[in-house]
Amino acid sequence: MSNLQESLDSFLGLDGGLCSALVDANSGMMLGQSGSGVDLELAAAGNTEVVRAKLKTMNSLKLNDKIEDILITLGKQYHIIRPVASKPGLFFYVVLDKTKSNLAMARRKVQDVEAALSI
């Protein structure tokens, strides 16, 4: 998928898909969004801090590795954060309704979209 909006909209087709965004982790700003149910501007800024904290911790631990994804499990939702390997500093943020979603399928979809993204 080369079209950013098409990529973001594709997450809404997942069972339980609520909303998604592509975020610049350097600024905390969204580059695109789709869906509703979460204040995505606030979530983009907040999850930028999550990504930065994890990278800082990995650096402190001298881990020579990369983040594949970060999963946050809430009582009613899953939040998936997936850095874009081909564009360092960018990450996808996807929110799913926990009662309706298949986590394994959702993670696979996010991985596929991330791999195919060309911007």
Protein backbone atom coordinates (compact mmCIF):
# COMPACT_ATOMS: atom_id res chain seq x y z
CA MET A 1 0.00 0.00 0.00
CA SER A 2 1.56 3.24 -1.03
CA ASN A 3 -1.27 5.61 -0.12
CA LEU A 4 -1.05 6.69 3.52
CA GLN A 5 -4.77 7.28 3.98
CA GLU A 6 -5.56 3.92 2.40
CA SER A 7 -3.10 2.28 4.80
CA LEU A 8 -4.65 3.95 7.84
CA ASP A 9 -8.20 3.17 6.67
CA SER A 10 -7.27 -0.49 6.22
CA PHE A 11 -6.91 -0.86 10.01
CA LEU A 12 -10.59 0.01 10.42
CA GLY A 13 -11.41 -3.14 8.45
CA LEU A 14 -9.94 -5.26 11.21
CA ASP A 15 -12.40 -6.86 13.60
CA GLY A 16 -12.70 -4.32 16.40
CA GLY A 17 -10.69 -1.65 14.56
CA LEU A 18 -11.51 1.77 16.04
CA CYS A 19 -8.86 4.23 14.87
CA SER A 20 -5.30 4.58 13.67
CA ALA A 21 -2.61 7.16 13.06
CA LEU A 22 0.86 7.56 11.63
CA VAL A 23 2.95 9.58 14.07
CA ASP A 24 6.28 11.40 13.87
CA ALA A 25 8.09 10.38 17.07
CA ASN A 26 10.48 13.33 16.76
CA SER A 27 7.69 15.91 17.11
CA GLY A 28 4.72 13.91 18.44
CA MET A 29 2.63 15.16 15.51
CA MET A 30 0.28 13.01 13.45
CA LEU A 31 0.96 12.68 9.74
CA GLY A 32 -2.40 11.02 9.12
CA GLN A 33 -5.35 9.53 10.96
CA SER A 34 -8.44 7.42 10.47
CA GLY A 35 -11.42 6.45 12.62
CA SER A 36 -12.59 7.71 15.99
CA GLY A 37 -13.02 6.74 19.61
CA VAL A 38 -9.76 8.18 20.97
CA ASP A 39 -8.38 11.72 20.93
CA LEU A 40 -5.69 10.85 18.38
CA GLU A 41 -3.75 14.11 18.75
CA LEU A 42 -3.37 13.54 22.47
CA ALA A 43 -2.63 9.85 21.93
CA ALA A 44 0.04 10.66 19.33
CA ALA A 45 1.85 12.99 21.71
CA GLY A 46 1.54 10.60 24.66
CA ASN A 47 2.64 7.52 22.76
CA THR A 48 5.61 9.43 21.39
CA GLU A 49 6.79 9.56 25.00
CA VAL A 50 6.23 5.79 25.32
CA VAL A 51 8.41 5.13 22.25
CA ARG A 52 11.11 7.55 23.41
CA ALA A 53 11.18 6.01 26.90
CA LYS A 54 11.54 2.49 25.51
CA LEU A 55 14.34 3.54 23.14
CA LYS A 56 16.13 5.32 26.00
CA THR A 57 15.83 2.24 28.21
CA MET A 58 17.11 -0.02 25.43
CA ASN A 59 20.06 2.32 24.95
CA SER A 60 20.81 2.35 28.71
CA LEU A 61 20.75 -1.43 28.73
CA LYS A 62 23.03 -1.44 25.67
CA LEU A 63 20.57 -3.62 23.79
CA ASN A 64 21.55 -3.81 20.15
CA ASP A 65 18.03 -4.43 18.93
CA LYS A 66 14.94 -2.71 17.55
CA ILE A 67 11.33 -2.38 18.61
CA GLU A 68 9.03 -4.55 16.51
CA ASP A 69 5.91 -3.38 18.28
CA ILE A 70 4.62 -2.25 21.63
CA LEU A 71 1.33 -3.65 22.85
CA ILE A 72 -0.68 -1.91 25.54
CA THR A 73 -3.57 -3.96 26.87
CA LEU A 74 -6.34 -2.04 28.58
CA GLY A 75 -9.57 -3.37 30.06
CA LYS A 76 -11.54 -2.63 26.89
CA GLN A 77 -8.95 -1.92 24.21
CA TYR A 78 -5.68 -3.00 22.64
CA HIS A 79 -3.26 -0.26 21.56
CA ILE A 80 -0.57 -1.32 19.08
CA ILE A 81 2.46 0.89 18.42
CA ARG A 82 4.64 -0.21 15.51
CA PRO A 83 7.69 1.73 14.31
CA VAL A 84 8.10 2.02 10.54
CA ALA A 85 11.39 0.28 9.74
CA SER A 86 11.90 2.09 6.44
CA LYS A 87 11.27 5.53 7.98
CA PRO A 88 13.01 5.87 11.37
CA GLY A 89 11.12 8.20 13.67
CA LEU A 90 7.66 7.23 12.41
CA PHE A 91 5.26 4.79 14.03
CA PHE A 92 1.77 3.44 13.48
CA TYR A 93 -0.69 3.65 16.33
CA VAL A 94 -3.73 1.37 16.12
CA VAL A 95 -6.60 1.10 18.62
CA LEU A 96 -8.82 -1.99 18.75
CA ASP A 97 -11.92 -2.95 20.72
CA LYS A 98 -10.63 -5.82 22.86
CA THR A 99 -13.93 -7.74 22.88
CA LYS A 100 -14.21 -7.79 19.08
CA SER A 101 -10.63 -8.09 17.89
CA ASN A 102 -8.23 -10.91 17.14
CA LEU A 103 -4.90 -9.66 18.46
CA ALA A 104 -2.75 -12.02 16.39
CA MET A 105 -4.51 -11.02 13.16
CA ALA A 106 -4.29 -7.34 14.06
CA ARG A 107 -0.56 -7.50 14.78
CA ARG A 108 -0.04 -9.29 11.47
CA LYS A 109 -2.04 -6.65 9.60
CA VAL A 110 -0.06 -3.82 11.20
CA GLN A 111 3.17 -5.61 10.28
CA ASP A 112 2.04 -6.06 6.66
CA VAL A 113 0.93 -2.44 6.28
CA GLU A 114 4.14 -1.17 7.87
CA ALA A 115 6.25 -3.28 5.49
CA ALA A 116 4.33 -2.07 2.44
CA LEU A 117 4.22 1.62 3.35
CA SER A 118 5.96 3.94 0.93
CA ILE A 119 5.80 7.64 1.66
